[in-house]
Amino acid sequence: MPLVYPNMQMSEVVEEHPSLIPVINRFGIRLGLGDKSVKAICEEYRLDTDFLLTVINTFLYLTARFTDRLWTTETSRTRS
C-alpha cells in the first residue's frame, strides 16, 4: 500500500483513493483542489500536515487490511 506524502498532489491522491473524500471533507477540505500539494492544501486550510497525513495513511492502511481480510474470508468460504 503506497503512502501519501506532503509533496503529492491532493487531487491525484483523491483520484487514486476516492474513499478519502469523506475523510478530507471532515477537515473542511472541499473538492476542486487543482494541482496543489497536500502540504499546500494543509497550509491553505491551516491544518497540521503531519496530522492530516497520519489520518489519511492510517485510514488507507486500515481500509486495505479490512479489504484483504474480507477477501480472504470470502475466498476461504468458497473453497469449503
PDB file of N, CA and C in Angstrom:
ATOM      1  N   MET A   1       0.842  -1.174   0.000  1.00  0.00           N
ATOM      2  CA  MET A   1       0.000   0.000   0.000  1.00  0.00           C
ATOM      3  C   MET A   1       0.892   1.244   0.000  1.00  0.00           C
ATOM      4  N   PRO A   2       0.745   2.088  -1.022  1.00  0.00           N
ATOM      5  CA  PRO A   2       1.566   3.296  -1.080  1.00  0.00           C
ATOM      6  C   PRO A   2       1.126   4.313  -0.033  1.00  0.00           C
ATOM      7  N   LEU A   3       2.091   5.051   0.468  1.00  0.00           N
ATOM      8  CA  LEU A   3       1.804   6.100   1.435  1.00  0.00           C
ATOM      9  C   LEU A   3       1.569   7.424   0.725  1.00  0.00           C
ATOM     10  N   VAL A   4       0.879   8.322   1.398  1.00  0.00           N
ATOM     11  CA  VAL A   4       0.656   9.676   0.892  1.00  0.00           C
ATOM     12  C   VAL A   4       1.708  10.572   1.551  1.00  0.00           C
ATOM     13  N   TYR A   5       2.353  11.408   0.752  1.00  0.00           N
ATOM     14  CA  TYR A   5       3.421  12.295   1.224  1.00  0.00           C
ATOM     15  C   TYR A   5       3.037  13.753   0.990  1.00  0.00           C
ATOM     16  N   PRO A   6       3.682  14.690   1.706  1.00  0.00           N
ATOM     17  CA  PRO A   6       3.322  16.111   1.607  1.00  0.00           C
ATOM     18  C   PRO A   6       3.454  16.708   0.213  1.00  0.00           C
ATOM     19  N   ASN A   7       4.390  16.216  -0.584  1.00  0.00           N
ATOM     20  CA  ASN A   7       4.639  16.806  -1.906  1.00  0.00           C
ATOM     21  C   ASN A   7       3.723  16.250  -2.998  1.00  0.00           C
ATOM     22  N   MET A   8       2.876  15.275  -2.661  1.00  0.00           N
ATOM     23  CA  MET A   8       1.973  14.690  -3.657  1.00  0.00           C
ATOM     24  C   MET A   8       0.807  15.635  -3.924  1.00  0.00           C
ATOM     25  N   GLN A   9       0.299  15.615  -5.152  1.00  0.00           N
ATOM     26  CA  GLN A   9      -0.877  16.422  -5.478  1.00  0.00           C
ATOM     27  C   GLN A   9      -2.107  15.803  -4.827  1.00  0.00           C
ATOM     28  N   MET A  10      -2.825  16.618  -4.068  1.00  0.00           N
ATOM     29  CA  MET A  10      -4.003  16.113  -3.364  1.00  0.00           C
ATOM     30  C   MET A  10      -5.035  15.575  -4.341  1.00  0.00           C
ATOM     31  N   SER A  11      -5.192  16.215  -5.497  1.00  0.00           N
ATOM     32  CA  SER A  11      -6.181  15.749  -6.469  1.00  0.00           C
ATOM     33  C   SER A  11      -5.843  14.349  -6.974  1.00  0.00           C
ATOM     34  N   GLU A  12      -4.560  14.050  -7.150  1.00  0.00           N
ATOM     35  CA  GLU A  12      -4.148  12.714  -7.587  1.00  0.00           C
ATOM     36  C   GLU A  12      -4.377  11.680  -6.488  1.00  0.00           C
ATOM     37  N   VAL A  13      -4.147  12.087  -5.240  1.00  0.00           N
ATOM     38  CA  VAL A  13      -4.383  11.185  -4.112  1.00  0.00           C
ATOM     39  C   VAL A  13      -5.868  10.819  -4.051  1.00  0.00           C
ATOM     40  N   VAL A  14      -6.737  11.826  -4.181  1.00  0.00           N
ATOM     41  CA  VAL A  14      -8.186  11.585  -4.120  1.00  0.00           C
ATOM     42  C   VAL A  14      -8.646  10.777  -5.329  1.00  0.00           C
ATOM     43  N   GLU A  15      -8.060  11.037  -6.480  1.00  0.00           N
ATOM     44  CA  GLU A  15      -8.424  10.280  -7.686  1.00  0.00           C
ATOM     45  C   GLU A  15      -8.069   8.806  -7.518  1.00  0.00           C
ATOM     46  N   GLU A  16      -6.915   8.535  -6.922  1.00  0.00           N
ATOM     47  CA  GLU A  16      -6.486   7.156  -6.717  1.00  0.00           C
ATOM     48  C   GLU A  16      -7.239   6.482  -5.570  1.00  0.00           C
ATOM     49  N   HIS A  17      -7.654   7.282  -4.576  1.00  0.00           N
ATOM     50  CA  HIS A  17      -8.336   6.749  -3.395  1.00  0.00           C
ATOM     51  C   HIS A  17      -9.606   7.561  -3.116  1.00  0.00           C
ATOM     52  N   PRO A  18     -10.657   7.377  -3.921  1.00  0.00           N
ATOM     53  CA  PRO A  18     -11.873   8.170  -3.726  1.00  0.00           C
ATOM     54  C   PRO A  18     -12.539   7.961  -2.360  1.00  0.00           C
ATOM     55  N   SER A  19     -12.194   6.881  -1.691  1.00  0.00           N
ATOM     56  CA  SER A  19     -12.753   6.658  -0.352  1.00  0.00           C
ATOM     57  C   SER A  19     -12.265   7.707   0.646  1.00  0.00           C
ATOM     58  N   LEU A  20     -11.259   8.495   0.268  1.00  0.00           N
ATOM     59  CA  LEU A  20     -10.749   9.564   1.138  1.00  0.00           C
ATOM     60  C   LEU A  20     -11.621  10.817   1.121  1.00  0.00           C
ATOM     61  N   ILE A  21     -12.542  10.927   0.182  1.00  0.00           N
ATOM     62  CA  ILE A  21     -13.351  12.149   0.070  1.00  0.00           C
ATOM     63  C   ILE A  21     -14.060  12.480   1.375  1.00  0.00           C
ATOM     64  N   PRO A  22     -14.773  11.547   2.009  1.00  0.00           N
ATOM     65  CA  PRO A  22     -15.418  11.902   3.284  1.00  0.00           C
ATOM     66  C   PRO A  22     -14.419  12.243   4.386  1.00  0.00           C
ATOM     67  N   VAL A  23     -13.229  11.634   4.330  1.00  0.00           N
ATOM     68  CA  VAL A  23     -12.208  11.905   5.346  1.00  0.00           C
ATOM     69  C   VAL A  23     -11.721  13.344   5.230  1.00  0.00           C
ATOM     70  N   ILE A  24     -11.356  13.757   4.020  1.00  0.00           N
ATOM     71  CA  ILE A  24     -10.853  15.122   3.872  1.00  0.00           C
ATOM     72  C   ILE A  24     -11.974  16.158   4.047  1.00  0.00           C
ATOM     73  N   ASN A  25     -13.201  15.774   3.702  1.00  0.00           N
ATOM     74  CA  ASN A  25     -14.332  16.685   3.940  1.00  0.00           C
ATOM     75  C   ASN A  25     -14.509  16.980   5.420  1.00  0.00           C
ATOM     76  N   ARG A  26     -14.213  16.017   6.282  1.00  0.00           N
ATOM     77  CA  ARG A  26     -14.326  16.223   7.731  1.00  0.00           C
ATOM     78  C   ARG A  26     -13.351  17.297   8.225  1.00  0.00           C
ATOM     79  N   PHE A  27     -12.306  17.542   7.458  1.00  0.00           N
ATOM     80  CA  PHE A  27     -11.342  18.590   7.794  1.00  0.00           C
ATOM     81  C   PHE A  27     -11.701  19.914   7.132  1.00  0.00           C
ATOM     82  N   GLY A  28     -12.845  19.958   6.463  1.00  0.00           N
ATOM     83  CA  GLY A  28     -13.280  21.181   5.797  1.00  0.00           C
ATOM     84  C   GLY A  28     -12.731  21.355   4.398  1.00  0.00           C
ATOM     85  N   ILE A  29     -12.007  20.372   3.910  1.00  0.00           N
ATOM     86  CA  ILE A  29     -11.415  20.442   2.579  1.00  0.00           C
ATOM     87  C   ILE A  29     -12.466  19.988   1.570  1.00  0.00           C
ATOM     88  N   ARG A  30     -12.723  20.828   0.600  1.00  0.00           N
ATOM     89  CA  ARG A  30     -13.705  20.517  -0.447  1.00  0.00           C
ATOM     90  C   ARG A  30     -12.980  20.190  -1.746  1.00  0.00           C
ATOM     91  N   LEU A  31     -13.677  19.486  -2.622  1.00  0.00           N
ATOM     92  CA  LEU A  31     -13.084  19.139  -3.916  1.00  0.00           C
ATOM     93  C   LEU A  31     -12.856  20.395  -4.743  1.00  0.00           C
ATOM     94  N   GLY A  32     -12.104  20.251  -5.807  1.00  0.00           N
ATOM     95  CA  GLY A  32     -11.682  21.397  -6.604  1.00  0.00           C
ATOM     96  C   GLY A  32     -10.307  21.819  -6.122  1.00  0.00           C
ATOM     97  N   LEU A  33      -9.435  20.835  -5.977  1.00  0.00           N
ATOM     98  CA  LEU A  33      -8.129  21.036  -5.350  1.00  0.00           C
ATOM     99  C   LEU A  33      -7.062  21.530  -6.319  1.00  0.00           C
ATOM    100  N   GLY A  34      -7.327  21.428  -7.588  1.00  0.00           N
ATOM    101  CA  GLY A  34      -6.342  21.858  -8.583  1.00  0.00           C
ATOM    102  C   GLY A  34      -5.072  21.029  -8.492  1.00  0.00           C
ATOM    103  N   ASP A  35      -3.953  21.671  -8.719  1.00  0.00           N
ATOM    104  CA  ASP A  35      -2.654  20.998  -8.705  1.00  0.00           C
ATOM    105  C   ASP A  35      -1.924  21.189  -7.383  1.00  0.00           C
ATOM    106  N   LYS A  36      -2.633  21.576  -6.345  1.00  0.00           N
ATOM    107  CA  LYS A  36      -1.991  21.864  -5.059  1.00  0.00           C
ATOM    108  C   LYS A  36      -1.543  20.569  -4.386  1.00  0.00           C
ATOM    109  N   SER A  37      -0.403  20.676  -3.724  1.00  0.00           N
ATOM    110  CA  SER A  37       0.125  19.537  -2.984  1.00  0.00           C
ATOM    111  C   SER A  37      -0.640  19.377  -1.671  1.00  0.00           C
ATOM    112  N   VAL A  38      -0.450  18.243  -1.049  1.00  0.00           N
ATOM    113  CA  VAL A  38      -1.062  18.001   0.261  1.00  0.00           C
ATOM    114  C   VAL A  38      -0.613  19.087   1.234  1.00  0.00           C
ATOM    115  N   LYS A  39       0.671  19.417   1.204  1.00  0.00           N
ATOM    116  CA  LYS A  39       1.205  20.442   2.102  1.00  0.00           C
ATOM    117  C   LYS A  39       0.563  21.806   1.829  1.00  0.00           C
ATOM    118  N   ALA A  40       0.409  22.174   0.568  1.00  0.00           N
ATOM    119  CA  ALA A  40      -0.203  23.464   0.219  1.00  0.00           C
ATOM    120  C   ALA A  40      -1.660  23.517   0.667  1.00  0.00           C
ATOM    121  N   ILE A  41      -2.379  22.414   0.524  1.00  0.00           N
ATOM    122  CA  ILE A  41      -3.773  22.354   0.981  1.00  0.00           C
ATOM    123  C   ILE A  41      -3.817  22.534   2.495  1.00  0.00           C
ATOM    124  N   CYS A  42      -2.920  21.863   3.199  1.00  0.00           N
ATOM    125  CA  CYS A  42      -2.878  21.992   4.663  1.00  0.00           C
ATOM    126  C   CYS A  42      -2.593  23.433   5.079  1.00  0.00           C
ATOM    127  N   GLU A  43      -1.669  24.076   4.394  1.00  0.00           N
ATOM    128  CA  GLU A  43      -1.367  25.479   4.711  1.00  0.00           C
ATOM    129  C   GLU A  43      -2.581  26.366   4.450  1.00  0.00           C
ATOM    130  N   GLU A  44      -3.269  26.110   3.336  1.00  0.00           N
ATOM    131  CA  GLU A  44      -4.440  26.910   2.975  1.00  0.00           C
ATOM    132  C   GLU A  44      -5.562  26.763   4.017  1.00  0.00           C
ATOM    133  N   TYR A  45      -5.744  25.553   4.505  1.00  0.00           N
ATOM    134  CA  TYR A  45      -6.817  25.285   5.464  1.00  0.00           C
ATOM    135  C   TYR A  45      -6.345  25.342   6.920  1.00  0.00           C
ATOM    136  N   ARG A  46      -5.089  25.737   7.111  1.00  0.00           N
ATOM    137  CA  ARG A  46      -4.492  25.852   8.447  1.00  0.00           C
ATOM    138  C   ARG A  46      -4.570  24.543   9.229  1.00  0.00           C
ATOM    139  N   LEU A  47      -4.137  23.484   8.567  1.00  0.00           N
ATOM    140  CA  LEU A  47      -4.109  22.158   9.168  1.00  0.00           C
ATOM    141  C   LEU A  47      -2.663  21.717   9.351  1.00  0.00           C
ATOM    142  N   ASP A  48      -2.425  20.930  10.365  1.00  0.00           N
ATOM    143  CA  ASP A  48      -1.104  20.360  10.577  1.00  0.00           C
ATOM    144  C   ASP A  48      -0.905  19.243   9.542  1.00  0.00           C
ATOM    145  N   THR A  49       0.094  19.405   8.696  1.00  0.00           N
ATOM    146  CA  THR A  49       0.338  18.457   7.606  1.00  0.00           C
ATOM    147  C   THR A  49       0.594  17.050   8.129  1.00  0.00           C
ATOM    148  N   ASP A  50       1.434  16.941   9.153  1.00  0.00           N
ATOM    149  CA  ASP A  50       1.753  15.618   9.696  1.00  0.00           C
ATOM    150  C   ASP A  50       0.503  14.935  10.256  1.00  0.00           C
ATOM    151  N   PHE A  51      -0.362  15.694  10.899  1.00  0.00           N
ATOM    152  CA  PHE A  51      -1.577  15.111  11.453  1.00  0.00           C
ATOM    153  C   PHE A  51      -2.494  14.606  10.344  1.00  0.00           C
ATOM    154  N   LEU A  52      -2.720  15.436   9.323  1.00  0.00           N
ATOM    155  CA  LEU A  52      -3.584  15.019   8.216  1.00  0.00           C
ATOM    156  C   LEU A  52      -3.017  13.786   7.528  1.00  0.00           C
ATOM    157  N   LEU A  53      -1.715  13.760   7.310  1.00  0.00           N
ATOM    158  CA  LEU A  53      -1.093  12.604   6.666  1.00  0.00           C
ATOM    159  C   LEU A  53      -1.222  11.352   7.535  1.00  0.00           C
ATOM    160  N   THR A  54      -1.124  11.511   8.845  1.00  0.00           N
ATOM    161  CA  THR A  54      -1.308  10.376   9.749  1.00  0.00           C
ATOM    162  C   THR A  54      -2.715   9.822   9.626  1.00  0.00           C
ATOM    163  N   VAL A  55      -3.697  10.704   9.598  1.00  0.00           N
ATOM    164  CA  VAL A  55      -5.092  10.271   9.470  1.00  0.00           C
ATOM    165  C   VAL A  55      -5.314   9.588   8.126  1.00  0.00           C
ATOM    166  N   ILE A  56      -4.865  10.221   7.050  1.00  0.00           N
ATOM    167  CA  ILE A  56      -5.064   9.669   5.705  1.00  0.00           C
ATOM    168  C   ILE A  56      -4.377   8.315   5.556  1.00  0.00           C
ATOM    169  N   ASN A  57      -3.108   8.235   5.957  1.00  0.00           N
ATOM    170  CA  ASN A  57      -2.363   6.994   5.790  1.00  0.00           C
ATOM    171  C   ASN A  57      -2.901   5.882   6.688  1.00  0.00           C
ATOM    172  N   THR A  58      -3.344   6.223   7.880  1.00  0.00           N
ATOM    173  CA  THR A  58      -3.953   5.224   8.762  1.00  0.00           C
ATOM    174  C   THR A  58      -5.256   4.722   8.161  1.00  0.00           C
ATOM    175  N   PHE A  59      -6.071   5.637   7.657  1.00  0.00           N
ATOM    176  CA  PHE A  59      -7.330   5.255   7.021  1.00  0.00           C
ATOM    177  C   PHE A  59      -7.077   4.308   5.850  1.00  0.00           C
ATOM    178  N   LEU A  60      -6.123   4.654   4.997  1.00  0.00           N
ATOM    179  CA  LEU A  60      -5.826   3.806   3.837  1.00  0.00           C
ATOM    180  C   LEU A  60      -5.292   2.441   4.264  1.00  0.00           C
ATOM    181  N   TYR A  61      -4.447   2.427   5.292  1.00  0.00           N
ATOM    182  CA  TYR A  61      -3.901   1.166   5.793  1.00  0.00           C
ATOM    183  C   TYR A  61      -5.008   0.269   6.347  1.00  0.00           C
ATOM    184  N   LEU A  62      -5.864   0.847   7.190  1.00  0.00           N
ATOM    185  CA  LEU A  62      -6.934   0.052   7.795  1.00  0.00           C
ATOM    186  C   LEU A  62      -7.950  -0.412   6.758  1.00  0.00           C
ATOM    187  N   THR A  63      -8.226   0.432   5.783  1.00  0.00           N
ATOM    188  CA  THR A  63      -9.142   0.045   4.706  1.00  0.00           C
ATOM    189  C   THR A  63      -8.558  -1.121   3.909  1.00  0.00           C
ATOM    190  N   ALA A  64      -7.271  -1.057   3.608  1.00  0.00           N
ATOM    191  CA  ALA A  64      -6.611  -2.135   2.862  1.00  0.00           C
ATOM    192  C   ALA A  64      -6.598  -3.421   3.676  1.00  0.00           C
ATOM    193  N   ARG A  65      -6.315  -3.318   4.968  1.00  0.00           N
ATOM    194  CA  ARG A  65      -6.306  -4.507   5.839  1.00  0.00           C
ATOM    195  C   ARG A  65      -7.689  -5.139   5.908  1.00  0.00           C
ATOM    196  N   PHE A  66      -8.712  -4.314   6.075  1.00  0.00           N
ATOM    197  CA  PHE A  66     -10.076  -4.822   6.167  1.00  0.00           C
ATOM    198  C   PHE A  66     -10.478  -5.488   4.859  1.00  0.00           C
ATOM    199  N   THR A  67     -10.150  -4.850   3.740  1.00  0.00           N
ATOM    200  CA  THR A  67     -10.486  -5.396   2.429  1.00  0.00           C
ATOM    201  C   THR A  67      -9.773  -6.729   2.209  1.00  0.00           C
ATOM    202  N   ASP A  68      -8.486  -6.790   2.566  1.00  0.00           N
ATOM    203  CA  ASP A  68      -7.737  -8.042   2.422  1.00  0.00           C
ATOM    204  C   ASP A  68      -8.333  -9.133   3.296  1.00  0.00           C
ATOM    205  N   ARG A  69      -8.662  -8.795   4.532  1.00  0.00           N
ATOM    206  CA  ARG A  69      -9.230  -9.772   5.450  1.00  0.00           C
ATOM    207  C   ARG A  69     -10.589 -10.245   4.952  1.00  0.00           C
ATOM    208  N   LEU A  70     -11.410  -9.305   4.467  1.00  0.00           N
ATOM    209  CA  LEU A  70     -12.724  -9.656   3.944  1.00  0.00           C
ATOM    210  C   LEU A  70     -12.590 -10.560   2.730  1.00  0.00           C
ATOM    211  N   TRP A  71     -11.673 -10.221   1.833  1.00  0.00           N
ATOM    212  CA  TRP A  71     -11.466 -11.027   0.631  1.00  0.00           C
ATOM    213  C   TRP A  71     -10.973 -12.414   1.005  1.00  0.00           C
ATOM    214  N   THR A  72     -10.047 -12.512   1.967  1.00  0.00           N
ATOM    215  CA  THR A  72      -9.512 -13.800   2.405  1.00  0.00           C
ATOM    216  C   THR A  72     -10.615 -14.652   3.025  1.00  0.00           C
ATOM    217  N   THR A  73     -11.470 -14.041   3.833  1.00  0.00           N
ATOM    218  CA  THR A  73     -12.580 -14.754   4.452  1.00  0.00           C
ATOM    219  C   THR A  73     -13.540 -15.277   3.393  1.00  0.00           C
ATOM    220  N   GLU A  74     -13.891 -14.434   2.432  1.00  0.00           N
ATOM    221  CA  GLU A  74     -14.804 -14.839   1.367  1.00  0.00           C
ATOM    222  C   GLU A  74     -14.201 -15.950   0.518  1.00  0.00           C
ATOM    223  N   THR A  75     -12.922 -15.862   0.236  1.00  0.00           N
ATOM    224  CA  THR A  75     -12.229 -16.880  -0.569  1.00  0.00           C
ATOM    225  C   THR A  75     -12.221 -18.211   0.153  1.00  0.00           C
ATOM    226  N   SER A  76     -11.948 -18.196   1.451  1.00  0.00           N
ATOM    227  CA  SER A  76     -11.903 -19.448   2.204  1.00  0.00           C
ATOM    228  C   SER A  76     -13.288 -20.074   2.320  1.00  0.00           C
ATOM    229  N   ARG A  77     -14.330 -19.262   2.338  1.00  0.00           N
ATOM    230  CA  ARG A  77     -15.684 -19.798   2.399  1.00  0.00           C
ATOM    231  C   ARG A  77     -16.058 -20.517   1.106  1.00  0.00           C
ATOM    232  N   THR A  78     -15.633 -19.971  -0.013  1.00  0.00           N
ATOM    233  CA  THR A  78     -15.996 -20.580  -1.300  1.00  0.00           C
ATOM    234  C   THR A  78     -15.229 -21.868  -1.535  1.00  0.00           C
ATOM    235  N   ARG A  79     -14.100 -22.040  -0.893  1.00  0.00           N
ATOM    236  CA  ARG A  79     -13.306 -23.265  -1.048  1.00  0.00           C
ATOM    237  C   ARG A  79     -13.871 -24.408  -0.206  1.00  0.00           C
ATOM    238  N   SER A  80     -14.612 -24.104   0.823  1.00  0.00           N
ATOM    239  CA  SER A  80     -15.131 -25.139   1.745  1.00  0.00           C
ATOM    240  C   SER A  80     -16.248 -25.928   1.132  1.00  0.00           C
TER     241      SER A  80
END
